[in-house]
Amino acid sequence: NYGKAIITQSVQRLYLPMSEEELKFL
């Protein structure tokens, strides 16, 4: 899963406002 690998290997992450559904999925 390339997207998950990129996110988990990131040093910094910035999550801008998301809907409740997107937060739950994440």
mmCIF file of all heavy atoms, coordinates in Angstrom:
data_MODEL
# 
_entry.id   MODEL 
# 
loop_
_atom_site.group_PDB 
_atom_site.id 
_atom_site.type_symbol 
_atom_site.label_atom_id 
_atom_site.label_alt_id 
_atom_site.label_comp_id 
_atom_site.label_asym_id 
_atom_site.label_entity_id 
_atom_site.label_seq_id 
_atom_site.pdbx_PDB_ins_code 
_atom_site.Cartn_x 
_atom_site.Cartn_y 
_atom_site.Cartn_z 
_atom_site.occupancy 
_atom_site.B_iso_or_equiv 
_atom_site.pdbx_formal_charge 
_atom_site.auth_seq_id 
_atom_site.auth_comp_id 
_atom_site.auth_asym_id 
_atom_site.auth_atom_id 
_atom_site.pdbx_PDB_model_num 
ATOM 1   N N   . ASN A 1 1  ? 0.880   -1.164 0.000  1.00 0.00 ? 1  ASN A N   1 
ATOM 2   C CA  . ASN A 1 1  ? 0.000   0.000  0.000  1.00 0.00 ? 1  ASN A CA  1 
ATOM 3   C C   . ASN A 1 1  ? 0.921   1.219  0.000  1.00 0.00 ? 1  ASN A C   1 
ATOM 4   O O   . ASN A 1 1  ? 1.489   1.582  1.026  1.00 0.00 ? 1  ASN A O   1 
ATOM 5   C CB  . ASN A 1 1  ? -0.912  -0.006 1.228  1.00 0.00 ? 1  ASN A CB  1 
ATOM 6   C CG  . ASN A 1 1  ? -1.883  1.144  1.233  1.00 0.00 ? 1  ASN A CG  1 
ATOM 7   O OD1 . ASN A 1 1  ? -1.587  2.223  0.730  1.00 0.00 ? 1  ASN A OD1 1 
ATOM 8   N ND2 . ASN A 1 1  ? -3.038  0.931  1.815  1.00 0.00 ? 1  ASN A ND2 1 
ATOM 9   N N   . TYR A 1 2  ? 1.097   1.842  -1.162 1.00 0.00 ? 2  TYR A N   1 
ATOM 10  C CA  . TYR A 1 2  ? 2.069   2.919  -1.316 1.00 0.00 ? 2  TYR A CA  1 
ATOM 11  C C   . TYR A 1 2  ? 1.694   4.163  -0.519 1.00 0.00 ? 2  TYR A C   1 
ATOM 12  O O   . TYR A 1 2  ? 2.552   4.806  0.074  1.00 0.00 ? 2  TYR A O   1 
ATOM 13  C CB  . TYR A 1 2  ? 2.260   3.263  -2.795 1.00 0.00 ? 2  TYR A CB  1 
ATOM 14  C CG  . TYR A 1 2  ? 2.936   2.154  -3.541 1.00 0.00 ? 2  TYR A CG  1 
ATOM 15  C CD1 . TYR A 1 2  ? 2.215   1.262  -4.321 1.00 0.00 ? 2  TYR A CD1 1 
ATOM 16  C CD2 . TYR A 1 2  ? 4.309   1.970  -3.445 1.00 0.00 ? 2  TYR A CD2 1 
ATOM 17  C CE1 . TYR A 1 2  ? 2.837   0.232  -4.993 1.00 0.00 ? 2  TYR A CE1 1 
ATOM 18  C CE2 . TYR A 1 2  ? 4.946   0.939  -4.116 1.00 0.00 ? 2  TYR A CE2 1 
ATOM 19  C CZ  . TYR A 1 2  ? 4.206   0.076  -4.892 1.00 0.00 ? 2  TYR A CZ  1 
ATOM 20  O OH  . TYR A 1 2  ? 4.826   -0.949 -5.544 1.00 0.00 ? 2  TYR A OH  1 
ATOM 21  N N   . GLY A 1 3  ? 0.418   4.508  -0.506 1.00 0.00 ? 3  GLY A N   1 
ATOM 22  C CA  . GLY A 1 3  ? -0.012  5.670  0.257  1.00 0.00 ? 3  GLY A CA  1 
ATOM 23  C C   . GLY A 1 3  ? 0.263   5.514  1.736  1.00 0.00 ? 3  GLY A C   1 
ATOM 24  O O   . GLY A 1 3  ? 0.779   6.416  2.395  1.00 0.00 ? 3  GLY A O   1 
ATOM 25  N N   . LYS A 1 4  ? -0.037  4.350  2.281  1.00 0.00 ? 4  LYS A N   1 
ATOM 26  C CA  . LYS A 1 4  ? 0.205   4.091  3.698  1.00 0.00 ? 4  LYS A CA  1 
ATOM 27  C C   . LYS A 1 4  ? 1.704   4.092  3.998  1.00 0.00 ? 4  LYS A C   1 
ATOM 28  O O   . LYS A 1 4  ? 2.144   4.640  5.011  1.00 0.00 ? 4  LYS A O   1 
ATOM 29  C CB  . LYS A 1 4  ? -0.410  2.752  4.105  1.00 0.00 ? 4  LYS A CB  1 
ATOM 30  C CG  . LYS A 1 4  ? -0.321  2.469  5.583  1.00 0.00 ? 4  LYS A CG  1 
ATOM 31  C CD  . LYS A 1 4  ? -1.083  1.209  5.937  1.00 0.00 ? 4  LYS A CD  1 
ATOM 32  C CE  . LYS A 1 4  ? -1.049  0.956  7.424  1.00 0.00 ? 4  LYS A CE  1 
ATOM 33  N NZ  . LYS A 1 4  ? -1.832  -0.233 7.782  1.00 0.00 ? 4  LYS A NZ  1 
ATOM 34  N N   . ALA A 1 5  ? 2.514   3.515  3.108  1.00 0.00 ? 5  ALA A N   1 
ATOM 35  C CA  . ALA A 1 5  ? 3.969   3.502  3.307  1.00 0.00 ? 5  ALA A CA  1 
ATOM 36  C C   . ALA A 1 5  ? 4.531   4.917  3.333  1.00 0.00 ? 5  ALA A C   1 
ATOM 37  O O   . ALA A 1 5  ? 5.391   5.241  4.162  1.00 0.00 ? 5  ALA A O   1 
ATOM 38  C CB  . ALA A 1 5  ? 4.641   2.689  2.211  1.00 0.00 ? 5  ALA A CB  1 
ATOM 39  N N   . ILE A 1 6  ? 4.027   5.773  2.461  1.00 0.00 ? 6  ILE A N   1 
ATOM 40  C CA  . ILE A 1 6  ? 4.510   7.159  2.417  1.00 0.00 ? 6  ILE A CA  1 
ATOM 41  C C   . ILE A 1 6  ? 4.130   7.893  3.695  1.00 0.00 ? 6  ILE A C   1 
ATOM 42  O O   . ILE A 1 6  ? 4.947   8.583  4.304  1.00 0.00 ? 6  ILE A O   1 
ATOM 43  C CB  . ILE A 1 6  ? 3.972   7.882  1.170  1.00 0.00 ? 6  ILE A CB  1 
ATOM 44  C CG1 . ILE A 1 6  ? 4.641   7.308  -0.076 1.00 0.00 ? 6  ILE A CG1 1 
ATOM 45  C CG2 . ILE A 1 6  ? 4.195   9.386  1.267  1.00 0.00 ? 6  ILE A CG2 1 
ATOM 46  C CD1 . ILE A 1 6  ? 4.040   7.770  -1.379 1.00 0.00 ? 6  ILE A CD1 1 
ATOM 47  N N   . ILE A 1 7  ? 2.895   7.723  4.138  1.00 0.00 ? 7  ILE A N   1 
ATOM 48  C CA  . ILE A 1 7  ? 2.452   8.411  5.356  1.00 0.00 ? 7  ILE A CA  1 
ATOM 49  C C   . ILE A 1 7  ? 3.221   7.916  6.579  1.00 0.00 ? 7  ILE A C   1 
ATOM 50  O O   . ILE A 1 7  ? 3.700   8.704  7.387  1.00 0.00 ? 7  ILE A O   1 
ATOM 51  C CB  . ILE A 1 7  ? 0.937   8.231  5.564  1.00 0.00 ? 7  ILE A CB  1 
ATOM 52  C CG1 . ILE A 1 7  ? 0.168   9.029  4.504  1.00 0.00 ? 7  ILE A CG1 1 
ATOM 53  C CG2 . ILE A 1 7  ? 0.520   8.686  6.959  1.00 0.00 ? 7  ILE A CG2 1 
ATOM 54  C CD1 . ILE A 1 7  ? -1.321  8.804  4.520  1.00 0.00 ? 7  ILE A CD1 1 
ATOM 55  N N   . THR A 1 8  ? 3.366   6.600  6.718  1.00 0.00 ? 8  THR A N   1 
ATOM 56  C CA  . THR A 1 8  ? 4.011   6.072  7.914  1.00 0.00 ? 8  THR A CA  1 
ATOM 57  C C   . THR A 1 8  ? 5.514   6.324  7.948  1.00 0.00 ? 8  THR A C   1 
ATOM 58  O O   . THR A 1 8  ? 6.108   6.356  9.021  1.00 0.00 ? 8  THR A O   1 
ATOM 59  C CB  . THR A 1 8  ? 3.737   4.562  8.079  1.00 0.00 ? 8  THR A CB  1 
ATOM 60  O OG1 . THR A 1 8  ? 4.167   3.872  6.908  1.00 0.00 ? 8  THR A OG1 1 
ATOM 61  C CG2 . THR A 1 8  ? 2.271   4.298  8.324  1.00 0.00 ? 8  THR A CG2 1 
ATOM 62  N N   . GLN A 1 9  ? 6.145   6.527  6.791  1.00 0.00 ? 9  GLN A N   1 
ATOM 63  C CA  . GLN A 1 9  ? 7.576   6.814  6.752  1.00 0.00 ? 9  GLN A CA  1 
ATOM 64  C C   . GLN A 1 9  ? 7.872   8.312  6.788  1.00 0.00 ? 9  GLN A C   1 
ATOM 65  O O   . GLN A 1 9  ? 9.024   8.717  6.789  1.00 0.00 ? 9  GLN A O   1 
ATOM 66  C CB  . GLN A 1 9  ? 8.211   6.209  5.500  1.00 0.00 ? 9  GLN A CB  1 
ATOM 67  C CG  . GLN A 1 9  ? 8.216   4.701  5.520  1.00 0.00 ? 9  GLN A CG  1 
ATOM 68  C CD  . GLN A 1 9  ? 8.823   4.126  4.258  1.00 0.00 ? 9  GLN A CD  1 
ATOM 69  O OE1 . GLN A 1 9  ? 9.575   4.778  3.558  1.00 0.00 ? 9  GLN A OE1 1 
ATOM 70  N NE2 . GLN A 1 9  ? 8.485   2.888  3.962  1.00 0.00 ? 9  GLN A NE2 1 
ATOM 71  N N   . SER A 1 10 ? 6.847   9.117  6.845  1.00 0.00 ? 10 SER A N   1 
ATOM 72  C CA  . SER A 1 10 ? 7.029   10.566 6.871  1.00 0.00 ? 10 SER A CA  1 
ATOM 73  C C   . SER A 1 10 ? 7.535   11.028 8.227  1.00 0.00 ? 10 SER A C   1 
ATOM 74  O O   . SER A 1 10 ? 7.116   10.512 9.265  1.00 0.00 ? 10 SER A O   1 
ATOM 75  C CB  . SER A 1 10 ? 5.704   11.274 6.571  1.00 0.00 ? 10 SER A CB  1 
ATOM 76  O OG  . SER A 1 10 ? 5.261   10.953 5.285  1.00 0.00 ? 10 SER A OG  1 
ATOM 77  N N   . VAL A 1 11 ? 8.401   12.012 8.206  1.00 0.00 ? 11 VAL A N   1 
ATOM 78  C CA  . VAL A 1 11 ? 8.919   12.585 9.442  1.00 0.00 ? 11 VAL A CA  1 
ATOM 79  C C   . VAL A 1 11 ? 7.887   13.541 10.031 1.00 0.00 ? 11 VAL A C   1 
ATOM 80  O O   . VAL A 1 11 ? 7.665   13.583 11.229 1.00 0.00 ? 11 VAL A O   1 
ATOM 81  C CB  . VAL A 1 11 ? 10.256  13.312 9.180  1.00 0.00 ? 11 VAL A CB  1 
ATOM 82  C CG1 . VAL A 1 11 ? 10.738  14.037 10.419 1.00 0.00 ? 11 VAL A CG1 1 
ATOM 83  C CG2 . VAL A 1 11 ? 11.303  12.321 8.704  1.00 0.00 ? 11 VAL A CG2 1 
ATOM 84  N N   . GLN A 1 12 ? 7.248   14.315 9.177  1.00 0.00 ? 12 GLN A N   1 
ATOM 85  C CA  . GLN A 1 12 ? 6.222   15.258 9.623  1.00 0.00 ? 12 GLN A CA  1 
ATOM 86  C C   . GLN A 1 12 ? 4.946   15.013 8.834  1.00 0.00 ? 12 GLN A C   1 
ATOM 87  O O   . GLN A 1 12 ? 4.990   14.694 7.650  1.00 0.00 ? 12 GLN A O   1 
ATOM 88  C CB  . GLN A 1 12 ? 6.671   16.697 9.403  1.00 0.00 ? 12 GLN A CB  1 
ATOM 89  C CG  . GLN A 1 12 ? 7.857   17.091 10.237 1.00 0.00 ? 12 GLN A CG  1 
ATOM 90  C CD  . GLN A 1 12 ? 8.255   18.541 9.986  1.00 0.00 ? 12 GLN A CD  1 
ATOM 91  O OE1 . GLN A 1 12 ? 7.954   19.099 8.947  1.00 0.00 ? 12 GLN A OE1 1 
ATOM 92  N NE2 . GLN A 1 12 ? 8.922   19.121 10.943 1.00 0.00 ? 12 GLN A NE2 1 
ATOM 93  N N   . ARG A 1 13 ? 3.819   15.211 9.499  1.00 0.00 ? 13 ARG A N   1 
ATOM 94  C CA  . ARG A 1 13 ? 2.516   15.074 8.850  1.00 0.00 ? 13 ARG A CA  1 
ATOM 95  C C   . ARG A 1 13 ? 1.656   16.261 9.245  1.00 0.00 ? 13 ARG A C   1 
ATOM 96  O O   . ARG A 1 13 ? 1.666   16.654 10.404 1.00 0.00 ? 13 ARG A O   1 
ATOM 97  C CB  . ARG A 1 13 ? 1.833   13.784 9.297  1.00 0.00 ? 13 ARG A CB  1 
ATOM 98  C CG  . ARG A 1 13 ? 2.616   12.557 8.961  1.00 0.00 ? 13 ARG A CG  1 
ATOM 99  C CD  . ARG A 1 13 ? 1.939   11.318 9.547  1.00 0.00 ? 13 ARG A CD  1 
ATOM 100 N NE  . ARG A 1 13 ? 2.872   10.224 9.521  1.00 0.00 ? 13 ARG A NE  1 
ATOM 101 C CZ  . ARG A 1 13 ? 3.365   9.640  10.589 1.00 0.00 ? 13 ARG A CZ  1 
ATOM 102 N NH1 . ARG A 1 13 ? 2.989   10.026 11.792 1.00 0.00 ? 13 ARG A NH1 1 
ATOM 103 N NH2 . ARG A 1 13 ? 4.213   8.657  10.482 1.00 0.00 ? 13 ARG A NH2 1 
ATOM 104 N N   . LEU A 1 14 ? 0.934   16.786 8.301  1.00 0.00 ? 14 LEU A N   1 
ATOM 105 C CA  . LEU A 1 14 ? 0.016   17.893 8.570  1.00 0.00 ? 14 LEU A CA  1 
ATOM 106 C C   . LEU A 1 14 ? -1.354  17.483 8.048  1.00 0.00 ? 14 LEU A C   1 
ATOM 107 O O   . LEU A 1 14 ? -1.529  17.247 6.853  1.00 0.00 ? 14 LEU A O   1 
ATOM 108 C CB  . LEU A 1 14 ? 0.484   19.171 7.857  1.00 0.00 ? 14 LEU A CB  1 
ATOM 109 C CG  . LEU A 1 14 ? -0.471  20.361 7.905  1.00 0.00 ? 14 LEU A CG  1 
ATOM 110 C CD1 . LEU A 1 14 ? -0.665  20.829 9.342  1.00 0.00 ? 14 LEU A CD1 1 
ATOM 111 C CD2 . LEU A 1 14 ? 0.056   21.492 7.034  1.00 0.00 ? 14 LEU A CD2 1 
ATOM 112 N N   . TYR A 1 15 ? -2.289  17.345 8.951  1.00 0.00 ? 15 TYR A N   1 
ATOM 113 C CA  . TYR A 1 15 ? -3.657  16.998 8.584  1.00 0.00 ? 15 TYR A CA  1 
ATOM 114 C C   . TYR A 1 15 ? -4.512  18.251 8.739  1.00 0.00 ? 15 TYR A C   1 
ATOM 115 O O   . TYR A 1 15 ? -4.693  18.733 9.850  1.00 0.00 ? 15 TYR A O   1 
ATOM 116 C CB  . TYR A 1 15 ? -4.212  15.888 9.481  1.00 0.00 ? 15 TYR A CB  1 
ATOM 117 C CG  . TYR A 1 15 ? -3.422  14.601 9.412  1.00 0.00 ? 15 TYR A CG  1 
ATOM 118 C CD1 . TYR A 1 15 ? -2.680  14.169 10.497 1.00 0.00 ? 15 TYR A CD1 1 
ATOM 119 C CD2 . TYR A 1 15 ? -3.433  13.826 8.263  1.00 0.00 ? 15 TYR A CD2 1 
ATOM 120 C CE1 . TYR A 1 15 ? -1.964  12.987 10.431 1.00 0.00 ? 15 TYR A CE1 1 
ATOM 121 C CE2 . TYR A 1 15 ? -2.715  12.648 8.191  1.00 0.00 ? 15 TYR A CE2 1 
ATOM 122 C CZ  . TYR A 1 15 ? -1.989  12.230 9.286  1.00 0.00 ? 15 TYR A CZ  1 
ATOM 123 O OH  . TYR A 1 15 ? -1.277  11.061 9.237  1.00 0.00 ? 15 TYR A OH  1 
ATOM 124 N N   . LEU A 1 16 ? -5.006  18.752 7.647  1.00 0.00 ? 16 LEU A N   1 
ATOM 125 C CA  . LEU A 1 16 ? -5.886  19.915 7.676  1.00 0.00 ? 16 LEU A CA  1 
ATOM 126 C C   . LEU A 1 16 ? -7.295  19.452 8.034  1.00 0.00 ? 16 LEU A C   1 
ATOM 127 O O   . LEU A 1 16 ? -7.570  18.257 8.065  1.00 0.00 ? 16 LEU A O   1 
ATOM 128 C CB  . LEU A 1 16 ? -5.837  20.628 6.333  1.00 0.00 ? 16 LEU A CB  1 
ATOM 129 C CG  . LEU A 1 16 ? -4.453  21.181 5.972  1.00 0.00 ? 16 LEU A CG  1 
ATOM 130 C CD1 . LEU A 1 16 ? -4.467  21.781 4.574  1.00 0.00 ? 16 LEU A CD1 1 
ATOM 131 C CD2 . LEU A 1 16 ? -3.973  22.201 6.982  1.00 0.00 ? 16 LEU A CD2 1 
ATOM 132 N N   . PRO A 1 17 ? -8.193  20.389 8.321  1.00 0.00 ? 17 PRO A N   1 
ATOM 133 C CA  . PRO A 1 17 ? -9.544  19.997 8.738  1.00 0.00 ? 17 PRO A CA  1 
ATOM 134 C C   . PRO A 1 17 ? -10.179 18.973 7.796  1.00 0.00 ? 17 PRO A C   1 
ATOM 135 O O   . PRO A 1 17 ? -10.105 19.101 6.576  1.00 0.00 ? 17 PRO A O   1 
ATOM 136 C CB  . PRO A 1 17 ? -10.319 21.307 8.721  1.00 0.00 ? 17 PRO A CB  1 
ATOM 137 C CG  . PRO A 1 17 ? -9.284  22.352 8.970  1.00 0.00 ? 17 PRO A CG  1 
ATOM 138 C CD  . PRO A 1 17 ? -8.051  21.852 8.280  1.00 0.00 ? 17 PRO A CD  1 
ATOM 139 N N   . MET A 1 18 ? -10.758 17.939 8.409  1.00 0.00 ? 18 MET A N   1 
ATOM 140 C CA  . MET A 1 18 ? -11.410 16.873 7.658  1.00 0.00 ? 18 MET A CA  1 
ATOM 141 C C   . MET A 1 18 ? -12.787 16.626 8.244  1.00 0.00 ? 18 MET A C   1 
ATOM 142 O O   . MET A 1 18 ? -13.057 16.995 9.387  1.00 0.00 ? 18 MET A O   1 
ATOM 143 C CB  . MET A 1 18 ? -10.602 15.573 7.767  1.00 0.00 ? 18 MET A CB  1 
ATOM 144 C CG  . MET A 1 18 ? -9.279  15.586 7.065  1.00 0.00 ? 18 MET A CG  1 
ATOM 145 S SD  . MET A 1 18 ? -8.513  13.952 7.157  1.00 0.00 ? 18 MET A SD  1 
ATOM 146 C CE  . MET A 1 18 ? -7.239  14.275 8.355  1.00 0.00 ? 18 MET A CE  1 
ATOM 147 N N   . SER A 1 19 ? -13.603 15.958 7.466  1.00 0.00 ? 19 SER A N   1 
ATOM 148 C CA  . SER A 1 19 ? -14.924 15.596 7.964  1.00 0.00 ? 19 SER A CA  1 
ATOM 149 C C   . SER A 1 19 ? -14.775 14.465 8.983  1.00 0.00 ? 19 SER A C   1 
ATOM 150 O O   . SER A 1 19 ? -13.751 13.795 9.054  1.00 0.00 ? 19 SER A O   1 
ATOM 151 C CB  . SER A 1 19 ? -15.824 15.141 6.809  1.00 0.00 ? 19 SER A CB  1 
ATOM 152 O OG  . SER A 1 19 ? -15.359 13.909 6.289  1.00 0.00 ? 19 SER A OG  1 
ATOM 153 N N   . GLU A 1 20 ? -15.801 14.266 9.775  1.00 0.00 ? 20 GLU A N   1 
ATOM 154 C CA  . GLU A 1 20 ? -15.784 13.204 10.779 1.00 0.00 ? 20 GLU A CA  1 
ATOM 155 C C   . GLU A 1 20 ? -15.561 11.839 10.126 1.00 0.00 ? 20 GLU A C   1 
ATOM 156 O O   . GLU A 1 20 ? -14.846 10.987 10.656 1.00 0.00 ? 20 GLU A O   1 
ATOM 157 C CB  . GLU A 1 20 ? -17.097 13.198 11.568 1.00 0.00 ? 20 GLU A CB  1 
ATOM 158 C CG  . GLU A 1 20 ? -17.274 14.389 12.481 1.00 0.00 ? 20 GLU A CG  1 
ATOM 159 C CD  . GLU A 1 20 ? -16.290 14.385 13.648 1.00 0.00 ? 20 GLU A CD  1 
ATOM 160 O OE1 . GLU A 1 20 ? -15.956 13.290 14.140 1.00 0.00 ? 20 GLU A OE1 1 
ATOM 161 O OE2 . GLU A 1 20 ? -15.869 15.469 14.057 1.00 0.00 ? 20 GLU A OE2 1 
ATOM 162 N N   . GLU A 1 21 ? -16.177 11.638 8.968  1.00 0.00 ? 21 GLU A N   1 
ATOM 163 C CA  . GLU A 1 21 ? -16.037 10.368 8.250  1.00 0.00 ? 21 GLU A CA  1 
ATOM 164 C C   . GLU A 1 21 ? -14.582 10.124 7.828  1.00 0.00 ? 21 GLU A C   1 
ATOM 165 O O   . GLU A 1 21 ? -14.067 9.016  7.967  1.00 0.00 ? 21 GLU A O   1 
ATOM 166 C CB  . GLU A 1 21 ? -16.946 10.375 7.020  1.00 0.00 ? 21 GLU A CB  1 
ATOM 167 C CG  . GLU A 1 21 ? -16.938 9.086  6.237  1.00 0.00 ? 21 GLU A CG  1 
ATOM 168 C CD  . GLU A 1 21 ? -17.874 9.163  5.048  1.00 0.00 ? 21 GLU A CD  1 
ATOM 169 O OE1 . GLU A 1 21 ? -19.068 9.462  5.250  1.00 0.00 ? 21 GLU A OE1 1 
ATOM 170 O OE2 . GLU A 1 21 ? -17.402 8.925  3.929  1.00 0.00 ? 21 GLU A OE2 1 
ATOM 171 N N   . GLU A 1 22 ? -13.910 11.176 7.341  1.00 0.00 ? 22 GLU A N   1 
ATOM 172 C CA  . GLU A 1 22 ? -12.506 11.044 6.942  1.00 0.00 ? 22 GLU A CA  1 
ATOM 173 C C   . GLU A 1 22 ? -11.607 10.775 8.146  1.00 0.00 ? 22 GLU A C   1 
ATOM 174 O O   . GLU A 1 22 ? -10.681 9.968  8.068  1.00 0.00 ? 22 GLU A O   1 
ATOM 175 C CB  . GLU A 1 22 ? -12.038 12.300 6.214  1.00 0.00 ? 22 GLU A CB  1 
ATOM 176 C CG  . GLU A 1 22 ? -12.641 12.455 4.837  1.00 0.00 ? 22 GLU A CG  1 
ATOM 177 C CD  . GLU A 1 22 ? -12.281 13.778 4.195  1.00 0.00 ? 22 GLU A CD  1 
ATOM 178 O OE1 . GLU A 1 22 ? -12.278 14.811 4.908  1.00 0.00 ? 22 GLU A OE1 1 
ATOM 179 O OE2 . GLU A 1 22 ? -11.994 13.782 2.995  1.00 0.00 ? 22 GLU A OE2 1 
ATOM 180 N N   . LEU A 1 23 ? -11.866 11.434 9.268  1.00 0.00 ? 23 LEU A N   1 
ATOM 181 C CA  . LEU A 1 23 ? -11.087 11.198 10.478 1.00 0.00 ? 23 LEU A CA  1 
ATOM 182 C C   . LEU A 1 23 ? -11.234 9.761  10.964 1.00 0.00 ? 23 LEU A C   1 
ATOM 183 O O   . LEU A 1 23 ? -10.252 9.114  11.333 1.00 0.00 ? 23 LEU A O   1 
ATOM 184 C CB  . LEU A 1 23 ? -11.522 12.152 11.591 1.00 0.00 ? 23 LEU A CB  1 
ATOM 185 C CG  . LEU A 1 23 ? -11.038 13.585 11.472 1.00 0.00 ? 23 LEU A CG  1 
ATOM 186 C CD1 . LEU A 1 23 ? -11.705 14.459 12.525 1.00 0.00 ? 23 LEU A CD1 1 
ATOM 187 C CD2 . LEU A 1 23 ? -9.527  13.651 11.601 1.00 0.00 ? 23 LEU A CD2 1 
ATOM 188 N N   . LYS A 1 24 ? -12.449 9.251  10.940 1.00 0.00 ? 24 LYS A N   1 
ATOM 189 C CA  . LYS A 1 24 ? -12.679 7.879  11.374 1.00 0.00 ? 24 LYS A CA  1 
ATOM 190 C C   . LYS A 1 24 ? -11.949 6.894  10.468 1.00 0.00 ? 24 LYS A C   1 
ATOM 191 O O   . LYS A 1 24 ? -11.321 5.958  10.945 1.00 0.00 ? 24 LYS A O   1 
ATOM 192 C CB  . LYS A 1 24 ? -14.187 7.589  11.376 1.00 0.00 ? 24 LYS A CB  1 
ATOM 193 C CG  . LYS A 1 24 ? -14.547 6.252  11.952 1.00 0.00 ? 24 LYS A CG  1 
ATOM 194 C CD  . LYS A 1 24 ? -16.039 6.080  12.049 1.00 0.00 ? 24 LYS A CD  1 
ATOM 195 C CE  . LYS A 1 24 ? -16.355 4.737  12.660 1.00 0.00 ? 24 LYS A CE  1 
ATOM 196 N NZ  . LYS A 1 24 ? -17.787 4.524  12.829 1.00 0.00 ? 24 LYS A NZ  1 
ATOM 197 N N   . PHE A 1 25 ? -12.013 7.132  9.158  1.00 0.00 ? 25 PHE A N   1 
ATOM 198 C CA  . PHE A 1 25 ? -11.323 6.270  8.205  1.00 0.00 ? 25 PHE A CA  1 
ATOM 199 C C   . PHE A 1 25 ? -9.813  6.289  8.468  1.00 0.00 ? 25 PHE A C   1 
ATOM 200 O O   . PHE A 1 25 ? -9.164  5.240  8.494  1.00 0.00 ? 25 PHE A O   1 
ATOM 201 C CB  . PHE A 1 25 ? -11.602 6.723  6.764  1.00 0.00 ? 25 PHE A CB  1 
ATOM 202 C CG  . PHE A 1 25 ? -10.817 5.963  5.742  1.00 0.00 ? 25 PHE A CG  1 
ATOM 203 C CD1 . PHE A 1 25 ? -11.223 4.704  5.333  1.00 0.00 ? 25 PHE A CD1 1 
ATOM 204 C CD2 . PHE A 1 25 ? -9.661  6.496  5.193  1.00 0.00 ? 25 PHE A CD2 1 
ATOM 205 C CE1 . PHE A 1 25 ? -10.480 3.992  4.399  1.00 0.00 ? 25 PHE A CE1 1 
ATOM 206 C CE2 . PHE A 1 25 ? -8.921  5.791  4.270  1.00 0.00 ? 25 PHE A CE2 1 
ATOM 207 C CZ  . PHE A 1 25 ? -9.336  4.535  3.859  1.00 0.00 ? 25 PHE A CZ  1 
ATOM 208 N N   . LEU A 1 26 ? -9.245  7.467  8.691  1.00 0.00 ? 26 LEU A N   1 
ATOM 209 C CA  . LEU A 1 26 ? -7.816  7.599  8.941  1.00 0.00 ? 26 LEU A CA  1 
ATOM 210 C C   . LEU A 1 26 ? -7.402  6.884  10.217 1.00 0.00 ? 26 LEU A C   1 
ATOM 211 O O   . LEU A 1 26 ? -6.389  6.186  10.258 1.00 0.00 ? 26 LEU A O   1 
ATOM 212 C CB  . LEU A 1 26 ? -7.433  9.083  9.016  1.00 0.00 ? 26 LEU A CB  1 
ATOM 213 C CG  . LEU A 1 26 ? -5.956  9.419  9.097  1.00 0.00 ? 26 LEU A CG  1 
ATOM 214 C CD1 . LEU A 1 26 ? -5.225  8.883  7.878  1.00 0.00 ? 26 LEU A CD1 1 
ATOM 215 C CD2 . LEU A 1 26 ? -5.769  10.913 9.195  1.00 0.00 ? 26 LEU A CD2 1 
# 
